[in-house]
């Protein structure tokens, strides 16, 4: 063979080798795809393209959204009729084929005995899942749990830094940086990739926590959900008249909308209301719908005061607001601040006296206050109070000595209160909890009266005439809390920058200097309690 023919022969062998290699690769890929499809990729809900392209969070359908590894539940809850509403780690279902997505971490945890700000509330909970959609199995519908939030603060709130958590530590779900709620609007957190919570049918102690690690709302259903029906899929709804709960009027509830309002004429529970323990039985009872209407009071002028309602129900932040049943006879009184005077009402009322009206529709008012140099505020009537419980009114954490500490408690109610067995507790800068003092049996605080605890060192408590004393001390970045004899949190105050503190809303940002007293503000001679330590106290 001459040189020219040899070159053509070698070139031909090269072409043949390339073609054979291409055929092998095509056959190998076809076999791989076939094997993967037959070995379970198809059962994971993936298409051929998805086999080689990992889906992002947004690409994961809700019905196979990953569940947290710590929330794995065993087989069917009896309340679900034996249908499991959560998937165990070894389940061969579609959800088990997708790796769990780790939620962003947060330093805020569940807060025991929290004082609630109620800026955003847990408004409706589908702990039982949802009614099946067309073509949907009962098991898949049971997984479609959701939690509805409502903003009752009067202002826009960003949910960045907020989270849902439970006492067991199994639910720890942050909200997104772009999530927000407008006033009187709703936010629906649906079980799925973004909100991987699972609500046990037996109940849960669930809490909504703000970025400052303060609790906004809580439902302690650790002994069973107070309402809702797993059989009919009626949801757990918040009462319009307060912070109680009832069962929704219809299956599936009212996600993203106002709750149904039910009054049961035969018992203390709304018609259809059942706990998780008795979800299989529903007592028939006659019911009638009751309308509730919001009463909203805005402020005008350069020195806002405060508004008090009889019956109680109006709460003030940047505006004042309450919800009252149709037909309620309502009396509103305006109280000027330390250097202002009340200039009068506009809207549903006029003049400078009390506003008396009957609620039959939404009510809108404006209360105008004007600053007056050197004005002396009028004393509030004895029958008017801004709070229905004891309030921590003054705190000192150091005086002439570092142990010259005291806490003063005031009774702003119209009745004498027996505080025998009540407890005053504190938290250190790091959040370590300790008892300051349990009050002796028979101790009472009269209406408009005060009770003082002080440190006993050097005769300090005796010099103040304190009613109780101990050797405990207070310091910078601490907090104190008052509990009644049953262990219910009554009031709490935090100051400085401590972690995991007792408190109400945001802590007062500064630490009192030696001899300085952290005092609760007042309006018209009445102590203010807006649910936020940063706003309610001053040095």
Protein backbone atom coordinates (compact mmCIF):
# COMPACT_ATOMS: atom_id res chain seq x y z
CA UNK A 1 0.00 0.00 0.00
CA UNK A 2 1.49 3.35 -1.02
CA UNK A 3 1.71 6.36 1.30
CA UNK A 4 -1.33 8.07 -0.14
CA UNK A 5 -3.56 4.98 0.32
CA UNK A 6 -2.27 4.52 3.88
CA UNK A 7 -3.34 8.06 4.75
CA UNK A 8 -6.87 7.42 3.43
CA UNK A 9 -7.05 4.14 5.37
CA UNK A 10 -6.06 5.77 8.67
CA UNK A 11 -8.52 8.62 8.08
CA UNK A 12 -11.31 6.08 7.44
CA UNK A 13 -10.54 4.23 10.69
CA UNK A 14 -10.77 7.52 12.58
CA UNK A 15 -14.20 8.31 11.14
CA UNK A 16 -15.42 4.81 12.03
CA UNK A 17 -14.14 5.16 15.64
CA UNK A 18 -15.91 8.50 16.14
CA UNK A 19 -19.19 7.10 14.83
CA UNK A 20 -18.93 4.02 17.01
CA UNK A 21 -18.22 6.17 20.08
CA UNK A 22 -21.25 8.35 19.40
CA UNK A 23 -23.47 5.28 19.07
CA UNK A 24 -22.15 3.97 22.41
CA UNK A 25 -22.79 7.25 24.23
CA UNK A 26 -26.33 7.47 22.80
CA UNK A 27 -27.07 3.88 23.86
CA UNK A 28 -25.53 4.42 27.32
CA UNK A 29 -27.61 7.56 27.98
CA UNK A 30 -30.78 5.83 26.80
CA UNK A 31 -30.11 2.92 29.15
CA UNK A 32 -29.36 5.28 32.05
CA UNK A 33 -32.59 7.22 31.53
CA UNK A 34 -34.58 4.01 31.22
CA UNK A 35 -33.02 2.57 34.39
CA UNK A 36 -33.60 5.75 36.35
CA UNK A 37 -37.22 5.90 35.29
CA UNK A 38 -37.76 2.27 36.29
CA UNK A 39 -35.85 2.67 39.57
CA UNK A 40 -38.01 5.41 41.03
CA UNK A 41 -37.34 8.76 39.37
CA UNK A 42 -40.79 8.70 37.86
CA UNK A 43 -42.37 7.94 41.22
CA UNK A 44 -40.71 11.07 42.61
CA UNK A 45 -42.79 13.09 40.18
CA UNK A 46 -39.80 14.06 37.97
CA UNK A 47 -39.92 14.35 34.22
CA UNK A 48 -37.00 13.15 32.09
CA UNK A 49 -35.59 16.68 32.09
CA UNK A 50 -35.94 16.96 35.86
CA UNK A 51 -33.84 13.80 36.30
CA UNK A 52 -30.75 15.80 35.37
CA UNK A 53 -31.83 19.21 36.70
CA UNK A 54 -32.45 19.53 40.45
CA UNK A 55 -35.64 21.54 41.01
CA UNK A 56 -35.50 24.77 42.98
CA UNK A 57 -37.82 25.47 45.92
CA UNK A 58 -40.26 27.25 43.63
CA UNK A 59 -40.41 24.25 41.30
CA UNK A 60 -41.54 21.82 44.02
CA UNK A 61 -45.32 21.40 43.87
CA UNK A 62 -47.10 21.94 47.20
CA UNK A 63 -48.41 18.40 47.37
CA UNK A 64 -44.90 17.02 47.56
CA UNK A 65 -43.28 19.88 49.46
CA UNK A 66 -40.57 18.70 51.85
CA UNK A 67 -41.38 18.35 55.52
CA UNK A 68 -38.98 19.08 58.34
CA UNK A 69 -37.08 16.03 59.52
CA UNK A 70 -37.97 16.84 63.13
CA UNK A 71 -41.67 16.84 62.35
CA UNK A 72 -41.92 13.25 61.15
CA UNK A 73 -45.10 11.62 62.39
CA UNK A 74 -46.13 8.09 62.65
CA UNK A 75 -49.18 6.60 61.08
CA UNK A 76 -52.55 7.99 60.92
CA UNK A 77 -53.97 10.02 63.69
CA UNK A 78 -57.31 8.57 64.82
CA UNK A 79 -58.85 12.00 64.28
CA UNK A 80 -57.92 11.77 60.62
CA UNK A 81 -59.71 8.46 60.25
CA UNK A 82 -56.37 6.69 60.05
CA UNK A 83 -55.03 8.96 57.29
CA UNK A 84 -51.55 10.24 58.16
CA UNK A 85 -51.34 14.01 57.86
CA UNK A 86 -47.55 14.03 57.93
CA UNK A 87 -44.93 11.85 56.25
CA UNK A 88 -42.37 9.76 58.09
CA UNK A 89 -38.70 9.62 57.10
CA UNK A 90 -39.06 6.19 55.56
CA UNK A 91 -42.21 6.93 53.58
CA UNK A 92 -41.90 6.08 49.90
CA UNK A 93 -44.35 8.82 48.95
CA UNK A 94 -43.35 11.71 46.64
CA UNK A 95 -42.50 14.02 49.55
CA UNK A 96 -40.01 11.53 50.94
CA UNK A 97 -38.09 11.53 47.65
CA UNK A 98 -37.27 15.23 47.94
CA UNK A 99 -34.60 16.33 50.41
CA UNK A 100 -35.88 18.58 53.21
CA UNK A 101 -35.18 22.28 52.87
CA UNK A 102 -33.52 23.81 55.90
CA UNK A 103 -35.29 26.87 57.27
CA UNK A 104 -33.18 29.95 58.02
CA UNK A 105 -31.95 29.98 61.59
CA UNK A 106 -33.05 32.58 64.14
CA UNK A 107 -31.94 33.43 67.66
CA UNK A 108 -35.52 33.92 68.86
CA UNK A 109 -37.13 30.87 70.42
CA UNK A 110 -40.48 30.06 72.01
CA UNK A 111 -41.13 32.37 74.97
CA UNK A 112 -42.67 30.80 78.06
CA UNK A 113 -45.21 32.89 80.01
CA UNK A 114 -44.96 35.63 77.38
CA UNK A 115 -46.84 38.91 77.63
CA UNK A 116 -48.49 39.40 74.26
CA UNK A 117 -48.49 42.63 72.23
CA UNK A 118 -51.28 41.48 69.85
CA UNK A 119 -49.93 43.66 67.04
CA UNK A 120 -50.45 40.68 64.73
CA UNK A 121 -52.72 37.85 65.86
CA UNK A 122 -53.20 34.22 64.94
CA UNK A 123 -56.61 34.73 63.34
CA UNK A 124 -57.56 31.32 61.89
CA UNK A 125 -55.92 27.88 61.92
CA UNK A 126 -56.69 24.88 59.71
CA UNK A 127 -55.03 22.35 62.02
CA UNK A 128 -57.12 19.57 60.47
CA UNK A 129 -56.14 20.32 56.88
CA UNK A 130 -58.62 21.23 54.17
CA UNK A 131 -61.65 19.74 52.39
CA UNK A 132 -60.55 17.67 49.36
CA UNK A 133 -60.46 19.43 46.00
CA UNK A 134 -61.75 17.76 42.85
CA UNK A 135 -59.63 14.68 42.24
CA UNK A 136 -57.70 15.09 45.51
CA UNK A 137 -57.42 12.30 48.06
CA UNK A 138 -58.43 12.84 51.68
CA UNK A 139 -54.81 12.21 52.70
CA UNK A 140 -53.45 14.95 50.44
CA UNK A 141 -56.16 17.37 51.60
CA UNK A 142 -55.27 16.67 55.25
CA UNK A 143 -51.74 17.89 54.52
CA UNK A 144 -53.01 21.26 53.32
CA UNK A 145 -52.84 22.94 56.70
CA UNK A 146 -52.61 26.73 56.98
CA UNK A 147 -52.37 29.53 59.52
CA UNK A 148 -53.90 32.94 58.90
CA UNK A 149 -52.46 36.07 60.53
CA UNK A 150 -54.24 39.42 60.94
CA UNK A 151 -52.65 42.83 61.53
CA UNK A 152 -54.64 44.72 64.18
CA UNK A 153 -51.90 47.25 65.04
CA UNK A 154 -53.25 50.10 62.93
CA UNK A 155 -50.09 50.37 60.78
CA UNK A 156 -48.21 48.47 58.09
CA UNK A 157 -45.96 45.72 59.45
CA UNK A 158 -43.11 43.96 57.65
CA UNK A 159 -42.85 40.29 58.58
CA UNK A 160 -39.11 40.23 57.95
CA UNK A 161 -37.57 38.74 61.10
CA UNK A 162 -40.91 37.38 62.40
CA UNK A 163 -41.42 33.67 62.95
CA UNK A 164 -43.80 30.94 64.08
CA UNK A 165 -42.56 28.65 66.85
CA UNK A 166 -44.02 26.05 69.17
CA UNK A 167 -43.19 24.96 72.69
CA UNK A 168 -41.88 21.56 71.56
CA UNK A 169 -39.29 23.09 69.23
CA UNK A 170 -40.65 21.15 66.25
CA UNK A 171 -42.06 24.25 64.57
CA UNK A 172 -39.56 27.05 63.90
CA UNK A 173 -40.63 28.80 60.72
CA UNK A 174 -39.39 32.28 59.69
CA UNK A 175 -41.25 34.61 57.35
CA UNK A 176 -39.67 36.01 54.21
CA UNK A 177 -37.92 39.36 53.91
CA UNK A 178 -40.60 40.61 51.50
CA UNK A 179 -43.62 39.41 53.52
CA UNK A 180 -45.79 42.14 55.07
CA UNK A 181 -49.34 42.87 56.25
CA UNK A 182 -51.31 46.09 55.85
CA UNK A 183 -53.63 47.23 58.68
CA UNK A 184 -56.68 44.97 59.16
CA UNK A 185 -55.42 42.68 56.37
CA UNK A 186 -54.38 39.04 56.39
CA UNK A 187 -51.37 36.86 55.62
CA UNK A 188 -51.86 33.18 54.84
CA UNK A 189 -49.01 30.80 55.73
CA UNK A 190 -49.78 27.56 53.90
CA UNK A 191 -48.00 24.29 54.60
CA UNK A 192 -45.38 23.74 51.92
CA UNK A 193 -41.80 24.43 50.98
CA UNK A 194 -41.81 28.00 52.30
CA UNK A 195 -43.71 27.15 55.51
CA UNK A 196 -42.78 23.55 56.42
CA UNK A 197 -44.86 23.27 59.59
CA UNK A 198 -47.04 20.32 60.59
CA UNK A 199 -49.82 20.83 63.14
CA UNK A 200 -50.55 17.76 65.32
CA UNK A 201 -54.24 16.94 65.57
CA UNK A 202 -53.78 16.45 69.30
CA UNK A 203 -52.94 20.15 69.75
CA UNK A 204 -49.95 22.47 69.98
CA UNK A 205 -48.69 25.50 71.93
CA UNK A 206 -48.03 27.89 69.05
CA UNK A 207 -46.53 31.38 69.22
CA UNK A 208 -45.96 34.29 66.83
CA UNK A 209 -42.67 36.08 67.61
CA UNK A 210 -41.50 39.48 66.35
CA UNK A 211 -37.92 40.48 65.39
CA UNK A 212 -37.19 41.77 68.92
CA UNK A 213 -37.93 38.28 70.28
CA UNK A 214 -41.18 39.47 71.87
CA UNK A 215 -44.37 37.43 71.50
CA UNK A 216 -47.18 39.03 69.51
CA UNK A 217 -49.71 36.22 69.97
CA UNK A 218 -50.02 32.67 71.26
CA UNK A 219 -52.49 29.80 71.34
CA UNK A 220 -51.80 27.23 74.05
CA UNK A 221 -53.63 24.22 72.67
CA UNK A 222 -51.20 21.72 74.21
CA UNK A 223 -54.18 19.95 75.83
CA UNK A 224 -56.17 19.96 72.58
CA UNK A 225 -57.39 22.49 70.03
CA UNK A 226 -60.20 24.58 71.56
CA UNK A 227 -62.34 24.43 68.42
CA UNK A 228 -62.39 23.21 64.84
CA UNK A 229 -63.68 19.90 63.51
CA UNK A 230 -61.48 17.32 61.82
CA UNK A 231 -64.40 15.33 60.41
CA UNK A 232 -66.11 18.26 58.70
CA UNK A 233 -62.89 20.26 58.17
CA UNK A 234 -64.33 23.32 59.88
CA UNK A 235 -61.46 25.54 60.99
CA UNK A 236 -60.42 27.19 64.25
CA UNK A 237 -61.39 30.88 64.07
CA UNK A 238 -60.65 33.82 66.39
CA UNK A 239 -63.64 35.50 68.04
CA UNK A 240 -64.42 38.98 66.75
CA UNK A 241 -65.25 40.17 70.26
CA UNK A 242 -61.90 39.29 71.83
CA UNK A 243 -59.15 36.68 71.82
CA UNK A 244 -61.25 33.53 72.25
CA UNK A 245 -61.82 30.84 69.63
CA UNK A 246 -64.76 29.20 67.85
CA UNK A 247 -65.38 26.74 65.03
CA UNK A 248 -65.91 28.23 61.58
CA UNK A 249 -69.43 28.28 60.18
CA UNK A 250 -68.48 26.31 57.08
CA UNK A 251 -66.00 23.65 55.98
CA UNK A 252 -62.63 25.06 54.98
CA UNK A 253 -63.11 28.27 56.97
CA UNK A 254 -62.45 31.71 55.55
CA UNK A 255 -58.76 31.85 54.52
CA UNK A 256 -57.66 35.39 53.66
CA UNK A 257 -61.00 36.92 54.71
CA UNK A 258 -62.89 37.98 57.83
CA UNK A 259 -63.92 35.14 60.14
CA UNK A 260 -67.47 33.91 60.53
CA UNK A 261 -69.05 35.04 63.83
CA UNK A 262 -71.17 32.49 65.69
CA UNK A 263 -73.03 32.69 69.00
CA UNK A 264 -74.35 29.50 70.56
CA UNK A 265 -77.57 30.06 72.50
CA UNK A 266 -77.42 26.64 74.19
CA UNK A 267 -73.87 26.52 75.59
CA UNK A 268 -70.64 28.44 76.07
CA UNK A 269 -69.19 26.92 72.88
CA UNK A 270 -70.11 28.15 69.40
CA UNK A 271 -72.30 25.84 67.35
CA UNK A 272 -70.17 23.07 65.91
CA UNK A 273 -67.22 23.89 68.19
CA UNK A 274 -65.34 20.81 69.32
CA UNK A 275 -61.96 20.13 70.83
CA UNK A 276 -59.61 17.71 69.10
CA UNK A 277 -60.43 15.11 71.74
CA UNK A 278 -64.12 15.22 70.83
CA UNK A 279 -63.85 16.06 67.14
CA UNK A 280 -66.00 13.08 66.18
CA UNK A 281 -69.05 14.49 67.94
CA UNK A 282 -70.82 17.77 67.36
CA UNK A 283 -73.62 19.05 69.53
CA UNK A 284 -76.49 20.51 67.57
CA UNK A 285 -77.50 23.92 68.82
CA UNK A 286 -79.39 26.86 67.53
CA UNK A 287 -77.19 29.78 66.51
CA UNK A 288 -77.58 33.34 65.38
CA UNK A 289 -75.09 35.59 63.66
CA UNK A 290 -73.95 38.65 65.62
CA UNK A 291 -72.41 41.61 63.85
CA UNK A 292 -69.36 43.28 65.33
CA UNK A 293 -68.15 46.69 64.19
CA UNK A 294 -64.82 48.46 64.58
CA UNK A 295 -64.62 51.75 66.46
CA UNK A 296 -61.56 53.69 65.27
CA UNK A 297 -60.26 56.90 66.88
CA UNK A 298 -57.48 58.87 65.25
CA UNK A 299 -55.50 61.70 66.85
CA UNK A 300 -55.08 65.29 65.72
CA UNK A 301 -52.96 68.05 67.19
CA UNK A 302 -49.41 68.29 68.47
CA UNK A 303 -49.64 66.43 71.81
CA UNK A 304 -51.87 63.33 71.67
CA UNK A 305 -53.51 62.06 74.85
CA UNK A 306 -55.39 58.81 75.44
CA UNK A 307 -58.89 57.37 75.06
CA UNK A 308 -60.77 55.23 77.58
CA UNK A 309 -63.90 53.23 76.71
CA UNK A 310 -66.78 51.91 78.83
CA UNK A 311 -67.25 49.00 78.33
CA UNK A 312 -63.55 48.28 78.03
CA UNK A 313 -62.30 47.26 74.60
CA UNK A 314 -60.49 50.20 72.99
CA UNK A 315 -56.70 49.80 72.72
CA UNK A 316 -54.38 52.64 71.70
CA UNK A 317 -51.08 52.70 69.81
CA UNK A 318 -50.70 55.28 67.03
CA UNK A 319 -54.50 55.16 66.81
CA UNK A 320 -57.16 53.75 69.14
CA UNK A 321 -59.34 50.86 68.08
CA UNK A 322 -61.87 48.37 69.44
CA UNK A 323 -64.51 45.97 68.14
CA UNK A 324 -68.01 45.94 69.68
CA UNK A 325 -71.21 43.98 69.12
CA UNK A 326 -74.02 45.73 67.29
CA UNK A 327 -76.25 47.55 69.79
CA UNK A 328 -73.48 48.22 72.33
CA UNK A 329 -73.93 51.50 74.23
CA UNK A 330 -70.40 52.90 74.22
CA UNK A 331 -68.92 55.79 76.18
CA UNK A 332 -65.56 57.26 75.17
CA UNK A 333 -63.61 59.73 77.31
CA UNK A 334 -60.53 61.66 76.21
CA UNK A 335 -57.63 62.33 78.59
CA UNK A 336 -54.98 64.94 77.89
CA UNK A 337 -51.26 64.42 78.39
CA UNK A 338 -49.03 66.17 80.91
CA UNK A 339 -48.77 69.39 78.86
CA UNK A 340 -51.85 69.35 76.65
CA UNK A 341 -55.58 69.86 76.67
CA UNK A 342 -58.39 68.07 74.88
CA UNK A 343 -59.73 70.28 72.07
CA UNK A 344 -62.73 68.19 71.05
CA UNK A 345 -64.14 65.37 68.93
CA UNK A 346 -64.89 65.25 65.23
CA UNK A 347 -66.61 62.57 63.21
CA UNK A 348 -69.27 60.54 65.02
CA UNK A 349 -69.16 62.90 68.04
CA UNK A 350 -68.51 66.59 68.66
CA UNK A 351 -67.74 68.85 71.61
CA UNK A 352 -65.28 68.36 74.45
CA UNK A 353 -67.32 66.10 76.72
CA UNK A 354 -67.56 62.32 76.70
CA UNK A 355 -68.62 60.70 73.43
CA UNK A 356 -71.73 58.53 74.01
CA UNK A 357 -73.07 56.47 71.12
CA UNK A 358 -74.69 53.15 70.20
CA UNK A 359 -72.71 50.95 67.81
CA UNK A 360 -74.71 49.88 64.75
CA UNK A 361 -72.03 50.28 62.06
CA UNK A 362 -68.30 51.05 61.82
CA UNK A 363 -67.51 54.21 63.82
CA UNK A 364 -64.79 56.74 62.94
CA UNK A 365 -63.73 59.58 65.23
CA UNK A 366 -60.87 62.01 65.68
CA UNK A 367 -59.74 63.30 69.07
CA UNK A 368 -57.82 66.58 68.94
CA UNK A 369 -55.28 67.56 71.61
CA UNK A 370 -53.32 70.80 71.74
CA UNK A 371 -50.13 71.52 73.67
CA UNK A 372 -50.44 74.13 76.41
CA UNK A 373 -47.31 75.53 78.01
CA UNK A 374 -47.37 74.88 81.75
CA UNK A 375 -50.72 73.09 81.61
CA UNK A 376 -51.67 71.06 84.66
CA UNK A 377 -53.50 67.86 83.63
CA UNK A 378 -56.88 67.22 85.14
CA UNK A 379 -57.11 64.18 87.37
CA UNK A 380 -58.86 61.22 85.82
CA UNK A 381 -62.19 60.22 87.37
CA UNK A 382 -61.86 57.48 89.98
CA UNK A 383 -63.97 55.12 87.88
CA UNK A 384 -61.81 55.48 84.75
CA UNK A 385 -58.81 53.18 84.28
CA UNK A 386 -56.59 52.34 81.33
CA UNK A 387 -55.80 48.83 82.50
CA UNK A 388 -57.76 46.04 84.13
CA UNK A 389 -54.78 44.52 85.93
CA UNK A 390 -51.85 45.43 88.19
CA UNK A 391 -49.02 47.36 86.55
CA UNK A 392 -45.33 47.62 87.33
CA UNK A 393 -45.00 51.39 87.69
CA UNK A 394 -41.42 52.12 88.84
CA UNK A 395 -38.04 50.34 88.86
CA UNK A 396 -34.67 51.32 90.31
CA UNK A 397 -31.60 49.14 89.72
CA UNK A 398 -29.04 51.12 91.78
CA UNK A 399 -28.93 54.07 94.18
CA UNK A 400 -26.39 55.20 96.74
CA UNK A 401 -25.46 51.52 96.81
CA UNK A 402 -25.52 49.06 93.92
CA UNK A 403 -28.04 47.02 95.92
CA UNK A 404 -30.52 49.89 96.37
CA UNK A 405 -33.03 48.19 94.05
CA UNK A 406 -36.79 48.36 94.15
CA UNK A 407 -39.89 47.56 92.07
CA UNK A 408 -43.16 49.43 92.67
CA UNK A 409 -46.49 47.91 91.59
CA UNK A 410 -49.70 49.93 91.22
CA UNK A 411 -53.34 48.80 91.27
CA UNK A 412 -55.15 50.92 88.62
CA UNK A 413 -58.40 48.97 88.89
CA UNK A 414 -61.48 49.86 90.89
CA UNK A 415 -61.17 46.93 93.30
CA UNK A 416 -58.84 45.70 96.02
CA UNK A 417 -56.69 42.80 94.79
CA UNK A 418 -55.37 39.99 97.00
CA UNK A 419 -51.77 39.30 95.87
CA UNK A 420 -50.99 36.61 98.45
CA UNK A 421 -48.96 33.92 96.69
CA UNK A 422 -48.14 36.16 93.71
CA UNK A 423 -44.55 36.09 92.47
CA UNK A 424 -42.10 38.72 91.29
CA UNK A 425 -39.42 37.20 89.05
CA UNK A 426 -36.45 38.50 87.07
CA UNK A 427 -34.16 37.55 84.21
CA UNK A 428 -30.45 38.30 84.09
CA UNK A 429 -28.67 39.82 81.10
CA UNK A 430 -28.27 36.35 79.57
CA UNK A 431 -31.90 35.37 80.21
CA UNK A 432 -31.36 33.27 83.33
CA UNK A 433 -34.61 33.21 85.35
CA UNK A 434 -34.77 33.70 89.14
CA UNK A 435 -37.35 34.42 91.83
CA UNK A 436 -37.24 37.86 93.47
CA UNK A 437 -40.02 37.31 96.02
CA UNK A 438 -43.27 35.44 96.58
CA UNK A 439 -45.73 37.73 98.34
CA UNK A 440 -46.97 36.63 101.78
CA UNK A 441 -50.53 35.26 102.19
CA UNK A 442 -53.11 37.93 102.96
CA UNK A 443 -51.21 40.70 101.13
CA UNK A 444 -53.62 43.05 99.35
CA UNK A 445 -53.29 46.17 97.19
CA UNK A 446 -56.20 48.59 97.41
CA UNK A 447 -57.63 50.40 94.39
CA UNK A 448 -55.15 53.10 93.25
CA UNK A 449 -52.73 51.76 95.88
CA UNK A 450 -49.08 50.71 95.58
CA UNK A 451 -46.98 47.74 96.64
CA UNK A 452 -43.18 47.92 96.81
CA UNK A 453 -40.50 45.24 96.84
CA UNK A 454 -36.98 46.38 97.72
CA UNK A 455 -33.59 44.85 98.38
CA UNK A 456 -33.09 44.22 102.10
CA UNK A 457 -29.33 44.98 102.29
CA UNK A 458 -28.34 47.82 104.64
CA UNK A 459 -31.91 48.45 105.76
CA UNK A 460 -32.84 49.86 102.32
CA UNK A 461 -36.24 48.11 102.14
CA UNK A 462 -37.09 49.32 105.64
CA UNK A 463 -36.16 52.89 104.74
CA UNK A 464 -38.65 52.82 101.86
CA UNK A 465 -41.41 51.19 103.88
CA UNK A 466 -41.44 48.33 101.37
CA UNK A 467 -44.13 45.67 101.85
CA UNK A 468 -41.78 42.87 100.74
CA UNK A 469 -38.01 42.42 100.54
CA UNK A 470 -35.30 39.88 99.71
CA UNK A 471 -31.59 39.78 98.89
CA UNK A 472 -32.11 39.56 95.11
CA UNK A 473 -30.62 42.38 93.02
CA UNK A 474 -31.38 44.03 89.67
CA UNK A 475 -28.84 45.16 87.09
CA UNK A 476 -28.40 46.52 83.56
CA UNK A 477 -30.05 44.60 80.72
CA UNK A 478 -32.44 42.78 83.09
CA UNK A 479 -36.22 42.37 83.20
CA UNK A 480 -38.87 41.76 85.85
CA UNK A 481 -42.25 40.03 85.63
CA UNK A 482 -45.28 39.76 87.90
CA UNK A 483 -47.17 36.44 88.06
CA UNK A 484 -50.42 35.79 89.91
CA UNK A 485 -50.94 32.85 92.28
CA UNK A 486 -51.93 30.55 89.39
CA UNK A 487 -48.72 31.33 87.50
CA UNK A 488 -50.34 33.59 84.89
CA UNK A 489 -48.15 36.46 83.68
CA UNK A 490 -49.76 39.80 84.64
CA UNK A 491 -47.14 42.40 83.66
CA UNK A 492 -43.49 42.56 82.62
CA UNK A 493 -40.85 45.20 81.97
CA UNK A 494 -37.46 44.86 80.23
CA UNK A 495 -34.70 47.46 79.84
CA UNK A 496 -31.40 47.56 77.99
CA UNK A 497 -30.21 44.87 75.59
CA UNK A 498 -30.55 41.57 77.44
CA UNK A 499 -31.42 38.33 75.67
CA UNK A 500 -34.49 36.11 76.14
CA UNK A 501 -36.09 38.60 78.54
CA UNK A 502 -39.49 39.01 80.07
CA UNK A 503 -41.11 42.09 78.62
CA UNK A 504 -43.99 43.70 76.81
CA UNK A 505 -43.29 44.67 73.20
CA UNK A 506 -39.82 46.20 72.75
CA UNK A 507 -37.65 46.74 75.85
CA UNK A 508 -36.96 50.25 77.13
CA UNK A 509 -33.70 50.94 75.25
CA UNK A 510 -31.63 52.51 78.05
CA UNK A 511 -30.33 51.22 81.37
CA UNK A 512 -31.20 53.43 84.37
CA UNK A 513 -28.17 55.16 85.94
CA UNK A 514 -27.55 55.07 89.70
CA UNK A 515 -30.39 56.89 91.43
CA UNK A 516 -32.49 57.09 88.26
CA UNK A 517 -35.99 55.58 88.31
CA UNK A 518 -37.59 53.96 85.27
CA UNK A 519 -41.19 55.20 85.48
CA UNK A 520 -44.35 54.24 83.62
CA UNK A 521 -45.83 57.19 81.75
CA UNK A 522 -49.26 58.59 82.59
CA UNK A 523 -51.98 60.54 80.81
CA UNK A 524 -54.42 62.64 82.78
CA UNK A 525 -53.07 61.08 85.97
CA UNK A 526 -53.71 57.53 84.72
CA UNK A 527 -50.92 55.02 83.99
CA UNK A 528 -50.49 54.11 80.32
CA UNK A 529 -50.23 50.51 79.14
CA UNK A 530 -49.99 50.25 75.34
CA UNK A 531 -48.25 46.86 75.43
CA UNK A 532 -44.79 48.24 74.56
CA UNK A 533 -42.15 48.92 77.26
CA UNK A 534 -40.24 51.26 74.94
CA UNK A 535 -43.30 53.51 74.61
CA UNK A 536 -44.76 53.13 78.11
CA UNK A 537 -41.70 54.05 80.22
CA UNK A 538 -39.35 56.98 80.62
CA UNK A 539 -36.34 57.95 82.76
